Amino acid sequence: PSHCVEVMLEKVLLIGSGFIGNKLIPKLTERGYSVDGISIETGHDITDRTQVLDVVQNFPGQKIILMAAVADLNIFEARPAYGLDVNMGGFINVALACSLHHKKLYFISTCCVYGNTPDLPSSEDSSTQPTEIYASCKLASEYIIDGLNKSYGLEYVILRIATTYGPTMRSALAPAVFIDQIRQGQPITIHGDGTQTRTMTFIDDEVEGIASVIGSAAHNTIVNISTQEELSVLEMARVIAEEMGRPNHPVAFIADRDTQTRKEQIDASKAYALCGWKAEWTFREGIKETLRWMGYESPCEELKSKY
């Protein structure tokens, strides 16, 4: 009989599920990795240090991706102690475990660390001026990773990812809110005057970028994973309204956030140099695809909710 040759796939541990994590697993699998996923849903809690140390020590692979976090600012602001316990305490447990057991940490950070930086477009070397607690936690985590690297030799890659939208996105994200408001015949609510800009990145681009960096030679470095298409919030609302066949849908301007980032403009050329990745989807194309997934095929058809 012919001998079966078992191909040993490289193992990756993904900590955290959610919108992006759930799309990342099939993308990494497609690229030839064997992915173990753990999260609060599988009974794992990153704030439990003993459990984290045990899981990391017994994981047979070398690469660990930390995505688990409280990412919804509304939750964070309502429950700051919980947000800090997860985003700082939980992070410290995972980073410490990777350092102790010689694993390479792929830390999912955020482009929000740039905040109101004067350095535009923002590259990985730009100054950071986060405007709210979630981004501040991510930046603090980046400093801890750098310290663990210098003091204990922790190997790492920090991925500063963009605000990501698309099918299955969190309902609190601006595009999801705008779609819902248009659907219900309510005015689109925009904080401030709507001229603040964002680099909203489509989910397919984001997971492709993350997977590309994980498969690259990136080492002890920071990489931006973002589209370079910069749109104002008003332009985003207009695109969504047009794609829903309601180009003249009313907009209501409400009080601006104290923590508003005025201008987000990201330089993602390092990712391209490292692994040939750049965002392919325009915001309009991504919104079209999102609406199609939601069952909104044409302006005359009512949206069939898939939530």
Protein backbone atom coordinates (compact mmCIF):
# COMPACT_ATOMS: atom_id res chain seq x y z
CA PRO A 1 0.00 0.00 0.00
CA SER A 2 1.13 3.54 -0.69
CA HIS A 3 2.48 5.39 2.30
CA CYS A 4 0.45 8.42 3.33
CA VAL A 5 2.74 11.36 3.90
CA GLU A 6 1.26 13.61 6.54
CA VAL A 7 2.01 17.23 5.79
CA MET A 8 2.57 19.15 8.99
CA LEU A 9 0.82 22.47 8.67
CA GLU A 10 2.23 25.43 10.59
CA LYS A 11 0.06 26.02 13.63
CA VAL A 12 -1.30 29.43 14.59
CA LEU A 13 -3.27 30.29 17.73
CA LEU A 14 -5.89 33.01 17.32
CA ILE A 15 -7.08 34.53 20.60
CA GLY A 16 -10.41 36.33 20.14
CA SER A 17 -13.22 35.82 17.68
CA GLY A 18 -15.64 38.53 16.62
CA PHE A 19 -16.17 40.18 13.25
CA ILE A 20 -12.56 40.17 12.00
CA GLY A 21 -11.37 37.02 13.80
CA ASN A 22 -14.15 34.91 12.30
CA LYS A 23 -13.09 35.97 8.79
CA LEU A 24 -9.39 35.58 9.52
CA ILE A 25 -9.56 31.86 10.36
CA PRO A 26 -10.66 30.71 6.85
CA LYS A 27 -8.17 33.15 5.27
CA LEU A 28 -5.25 31.67 7.25
CA THR A 29 -6.49 28.12 6.55
CA GLU A 30 -6.58 28.93 2.83
CA ARG A 31 -2.94 30.01 3.14
CA GLY A 32 -1.92 26.64 4.56
CA TYR A 33 -2.01 27.28 8.31
CA SER A 34 -3.65 25.08 10.90
CA VAL A 35 -5.57 27.53 13.08
CA ASP A 36 -6.66 26.96 16.68
CA GLY A 37 -9.16 29.58 17.78
CA ILE A 38 -9.93 30.36 21.41
CA SER A 39 -12.20 33.06 22.80
CA ILE A 40 -14.73 33.79 25.50
CA GLU A 41 -17.11 31.58 23.44
CA THR A 42 -14.81 28.56 23.86
CA GLY A 43 -14.62 29.13 27.62
CA HIS A 44 -11.29 30.96 27.53
CA ASP A 45 -10.81 34.27 29.35
CA ILE A 46 -7.66 36.31 28.78
CA THR A 47 -8.08 37.97 32.18
CA ASP A 48 -7.40 34.54 33.79
CA ARG A 49 -3.59 34.52 33.95
CA THR A 50 -3.24 30.87 35.00
CA GLN A 51 -5.42 29.73 32.09
CA VAL A 52 -3.56 31.94 29.58
CA LEU A 53 -0.13 30.73 30.72
CA ASP A 54 -1.33 27.13 30.47
CA VAL A 55 -2.81 27.51 26.95
CA VAL A 56 0.25 29.33 25.58
CA GLN A 57 2.72 26.91 27.18
CA ASN A 58 0.91 23.89 25.71
CA PHE A 59 0.36 25.35 22.25
CA PRO A 60 2.65 23.43 19.87
CA GLY A 61 3.04 26.24 17.31
CA GLN A 62 5.12 29.44 17.39
CA LYS A 63 2.70 32.15 16.22
CA ILE A 64 0.06 33.66 18.49
CA ILE A 65 -2.37 36.33 17.30
CA LEU A 66 -4.03 38.46 19.97
CA MET A 67 -7.26 40.00 18.73
CA ALA A 68 -9.45 39.74 21.85
CA ALA A 69 -10.40 43.18 23.19
CA VAL A 70 -13.31 45.37 24.19
CA ALA A 71 -13.53 47.33 20.94
CA ASP A 72 -16.92 49.01 21.36
CA LEU A 73 -16.30 52.48 22.84
CA ASN A 74 -19.85 52.62 24.18
CA ILE A 75 -19.20 49.51 26.29
CA PHE A 76 -15.76 50.78 27.32
CA GLU A 77 -17.12 54.15 28.43
CA ALA A 78 -20.03 52.54 30.32
CA ARG A 79 -17.77 49.95 32.01
CA PRO A 80 -14.22 51.39 32.17
CA ALA A 81 -12.93 48.89 34.76
CA TYR A 82 -14.07 45.97 32.60
CA GLY A 83 -12.51 47.55 29.49
CA LEU A 84 -9.18 48.06 31.25
CA ASP A 85 -9.24 44.57 32.78
CA VAL A 86 -9.60 43.01 29.32
CA ASN A 87 -7.59 45.41 27.15
CA MET A 88 -4.69 45.91 29.57
CA GLY A 89 -4.89 43.05 32.09
CA GLY A 90 -5.78 40.43 29.48
CA PHE A 91 -3.19 41.78 27.07
CA ILE A 92 -0.46 41.65 29.76
CA ASN A 93 -1.30 37.99 30.48
CA VAL A 94 -0.95 37.02 26.81
CA ALA A 95 2.20 39.10 26.20
CA LEU A 96 3.81 37.73 29.35
CA ALA A 97 2.94 34.14 28.37
CA CYS A 98 4.43 34.64 24.88
CA SER A 99 7.57 36.11 26.40
CA LEU A 100 7.97 33.29 28.97
CA HIS A 101 7.29 30.49 26.49
CA HIS A 102 9.16 31.97 23.50
CA LYS A 103 6.19 32.43 21.17
CA LYS A 104 5.96 35.16 18.53
CA LEU A 105 3.16 37.61 19.33
CA TYR A 106 1.12 39.15 16.50
CA PHE A 107 -0.68 41.94 18.30
CA ILE A 108 -3.73 43.49 16.67
CA SER A 109 -3.48 47.20 17.44
CA THR A 110 -5.32 50.07 15.74
CA CYS A 111 -4.71 53.01 13.41
CA CYS A 112 -6.60 55.02 16.07
CA VAL A 113 -3.27 55.30 17.96
CA TYR A 114 -2.37 58.12 15.52
CA GLY A 115 -5.40 60.13 16.69
CA ASN A 116 -4.83 63.82 16.10
CA THR A 117 -1.23 63.45 14.98
CA PRO A 118 0.15 66.30 12.85
CA ASP A 119 2.02 63.69 10.77
CA LEU A 120 -0.17 62.99 7.72
CA PRO A 121 -0.38 60.61 6.00
CA SER A 122 0.58 58.62 9.11
CA SER A 123 3.29 55.99 8.67
CA GLU A 124 4.47 53.58 11.35
CA ASP A 125 7.10 56.15 12.42
CA SER A 126 4.61 59.02 12.82
CA SER A 127 3.90 60.53 16.23
CA THR A 128 0.89 59.12 18.11
CA GLN A 129 -1.83 61.21 19.78
CA PRO A 130 -4.73 58.89 20.65
CA THR A 131 -7.96 60.68 21.52
CA GLU A 132 -9.79 58.02 23.54
CA ILE A 133 -9.25 55.17 26.01
CA TYR A 134 -9.42 52.23 23.56
CA ALA A 135 -6.62 53.67 21.40
CA SER A 136 -4.64 54.66 24.51
CA CYS A 137 -4.78 51.04 25.76
CA LYS A 138 -3.54 49.78 22.39
CA LEU A 139 -0.65 52.26 22.42
CA ALA A 140 0.26 51.38 26.01
CA SER A 141 0.26 47.72 24.95
CA GLU A 142 2.63 48.53 22.09
CA TYR A 143 5.06 50.10 24.58
CA ILE A 144 4.85 47.02 26.84
CA ILE A 145 5.59 44.76 23.84
CA ASP A 146 8.62 46.89 22.99
CA GLY A 147 9.78 46.67 26.63
CA LEU A 148 9.32 42.89 26.76
CA ASN A 149 11.32 42.65 23.54
CA LYS A 150 14.18 44.75 24.92
CA SER A 151 14.29 43.15 28.37
CA TYR A 152 13.33 39.54 27.61
CA GLY A 153 13.66 39.06 23.85
CA LEU A 154 9.91 38.78 23.06
CA GLU A 155 9.46 38.40 19.29
CA TYR A 156 6.52 40.34 17.88
CA VAL A 157 4.72 42.06 15.04
CA ILE A 158 2.30 44.89 15.83
CA LEU A 159 -0.47 45.29 13.23
CA ARG A 160 -2.18 48.68 13.32
CA ILE A 161 -5.44 47.89 11.61
CA ALA A 162 -8.04 50.28 10.24
CA THR A 163 -11.67 50.60 11.28
CA THR A 164 -13.13 47.67 9.36
CA TYR A 165 -16.63 47.34 7.90
CA GLY A 166 -18.56 44.84 5.78
CA PRO A 167 -20.94 41.88 6.16
CA THR A 168 -21.46 40.86 9.83
CA MET A 169 -19.94 44.12 11.15
CA ARG A 170 -20.81 45.36 14.63
CA SER A 171 -24.08 47.30 14.68
CA ALA A 172 -22.34 50.23 16.46
CA LEU A 173 -20.05 50.97 13.47
CA ALA A 174 -20.93 54.12 11.51
CA PRO A 175 -21.78 52.37 8.18
CA ALA A 176 -24.10 49.94 10.02
CA VAL A 177 -25.77 52.82 11.88
CA PHE A 178 -26.25 54.83 8.65
CA ILE A 179 -27.72 51.83 6.79
CA ASP A 180 -30.12 51.19 9.66
CA GLN A 181 -31.20 54.84 9.85
CA ILE A 182 -31.89 55.04 6.11
CA ARG A 183 -33.79 51.75 6.28
CA GLN A 184 -36.01 53.06 9.06
CA GLY A 185 -36.60 56.38 7.34
CA GLN A 186 -34.76 58.28 10.08
CA PRO A 187 -32.26 61.09 9.34
CA ILE A 188 -28.60 60.03 9.27
CA THR A 189 -27.02 61.40 12.45
CA ILE A 190 -23.50 62.77 12.09
CA HIS A 191 -21.32 64.07 14.92
CA GLY A 192 -20.02 67.62 14.37
CA ASP A 193 -19.99 68.99 10.81
CA GLY A 194 -19.14 65.68 9.10
CA THR A 195 -15.84 66.91 7.63
CA GLN A 196 -13.79 64.57 9.88
CA THR A 197 -12.17 61.91 7.69
CA ARG A 198 -11.71 58.14 8.04
CA THR A 199 -9.96 55.32 6.20
CA MET A 200 -12.69 52.68 6.55
CA THR A 201 -11.32 49.39 5.22
CA PHE A 202 -13.41 46.55 3.79
CA ILE A 203 -13.28 43.26 5.74
CA ASP A 204 -11.89 41.20 2.81
CA ASP A 205 -8.97 43.63 2.43
CA GLU A 206 -8.30 43.73 6.17
CA VAL A 207 -8.08 39.94 6.66
CA GLU A 208 -6.01 39.58 3.49
CA GLY A 209 -3.60 42.20 4.87
CA ILE A 210 -3.34 40.57 8.32
CA ALA A 211 -2.79 37.10 6.80
CA SER A 212 -0.19 38.47 4.38
CA VAL A 213 1.85 40.02 7.21
CA ILE A 214 1.62 36.83 9.31
CA GLY A 215 2.97 34.89 6.31
CA SER A 216 5.77 37.41 5.68
CA ALA A 217 9.24 37.86 7.17
CA ALA A 218 7.98 40.80 9.30
CA HIS A 219 9.85 40.71 12.62
CA ASN A 220 9.88 42.98 15.69
CA THR A 221 8.16 45.73 13.75
CA ILE A 222 4.92 47.72 13.33
CA VAL A 223 2.78 47.51 10.17
CA ASN A 224 -0.26 49.60 9.15
CA ILE A 225 -3.05 47.57 7.50
CA SER A 226 -5.43 50.15 6.04
CA THR A 227 -6.89 51.47 2.85
CA GLN A 228 -5.36 54.75 1.68
CA GLU A 229 -8.78 56.02 0.54
CA GLU A 230 -9.69 58.89 2.85
CA LEU A 231 -13.36 59.90 3.03
CA SER A 232 -15.21 62.41 5.19
CA VAL A 233 -18.05 61.01 7.31
CA LEU A 234 -20.43 63.12 5.19
CA GLU A 235 -19.06 61.52 2.00
CA MET A 236 -19.48 58.06 3.55
CA ALA A 237 -23.12 58.83 4.41
CA ARG A 238 -23.70 60.10 0.85
CA VAL A 239 -22.25 56.95 -0.74
CA ILE A 240 -24.44 54.72 1.46
CA ALA A 241 -27.59 56.76 0.72
CA GLU A 242 -26.86 56.66 -3.04
CA GLU A 243 -26.26 52.90 -3.02
CA MET A 244 -29.57 52.44 -1.17
CA GLY A 245 -31.35 54.48 -3.82
CA ARG A 246 -32.03 57.39 -1.44
CA PRO A 247 -29.52 60.03 -2.63
CA ASN A 248 -31.40 62.89 -0.95
CA HIS A 249 -31.88 61.20 2.41
CA PRO A 250 -31.82 63.84 5.20
CA VAL A 251 -28.82 64.27 7.50
CA ALA A 252 -29.00 65.58 11.08
CA PHE A 253 -25.86 67.07 12.62
CA ILE A 254 -25.52 66.37 16.34
CA ALA A 255 -23.02 67.51 18.99
CA ASP A 256 -19.45 66.54 18.18
CA ARG A 257 -17.59 63.99 20.30
CA ASP A 258 -15.00 65.48 22.68
CA THR A 259 -12.69 62.69 21.52
CA GLN A 260 -13.08 63.40 17.79
CA THR A 261 -10.18 62.55 15.48
CA ARG A 262 -10.32 65.29 12.85
CA LYS A 263 -8.31 63.72 10.06
CA GLU A 264 -7.32 60.11 9.47
CA GLN A 265 -4.93 59.50 6.62
CA ILE A 266 -2.85 56.33 6.64
CA ASP A 267 0.30 55.41 4.75
CA ALA A 268 0.20 51.65 4.13
CA SER A 269 3.25 51.45 1.87
CA LYS A 270 5.24 49.39 4.39
CA ALA A 271 2.76 46.49 4.12
CA TYR A 272 3.16 46.60 0.35
CA ALA A 273 6.96 46.59 0.62
CA LEU A 274 6.89 43.71 3.15
CA CYS A 275 4.40 41.39 1.51
CA GLY A 276 2.87 43.00 -1.59
CA TRP A 277 -0.44 43.83 0.12
CA LYS A 278 -2.57 46.85 -0.57
CA ALA A 279 -6.30 47.46 -0.18
CA GLU A 280 -8.28 46.68 -3.34
CA TRP A 281 -11.85 47.64 -2.42
CA THR A 282 -13.16 51.19 -2.68
CA PHE A 283 -15.66 52.28 -0.04
CA ARG A 284 -18.46 52.32 -2.64
CA GLU A 285 -17.67 48.75 -3.76
CA GLY A 286 -17.51 47.57 -0.16
CA ILE A 287 -20.87 49.16 0.68
CA LYS A 288 -22.43 47.58 -2.46
CA GLU A 289 -21.18 44.17 -1.32
CA THR A 290 -22.41 44.76 2.25
CA LEU A 291 -25.89 45.75 1.04
CA ARG A 292 -25.99 42.70 -1.26
CA TRP A 293 -25.18 40.47 1.73
CA MET A 294 -27.99 42.12 3.69
CA GLY A 295 -30.40 41.19 0.91
CA TYR A 296 -30.70 44.71 -0.47
CA GLU A 297 -30.42 43.97 -4.19
CA SER A 298 -32.00 47.08 -5.63
CA PRO A 299 -33.37 50.40 -4.37
CA CYS A 300 -36.97 49.29 -4.93
CA GLU A 301 -36.61 46.19 -2.76
CA GLU A 302 -37.05 46.45 0.97
CA LEU A 303 -34.09 45.35 3.07
CA LYS A 304 -34.44 41.86 4.39
CA SER A 305 -32.61 41.82 7.68
CA LYS A 306 -30.03 39.12 8.22
CA TYR A 307 -29.19 40.06 11.79
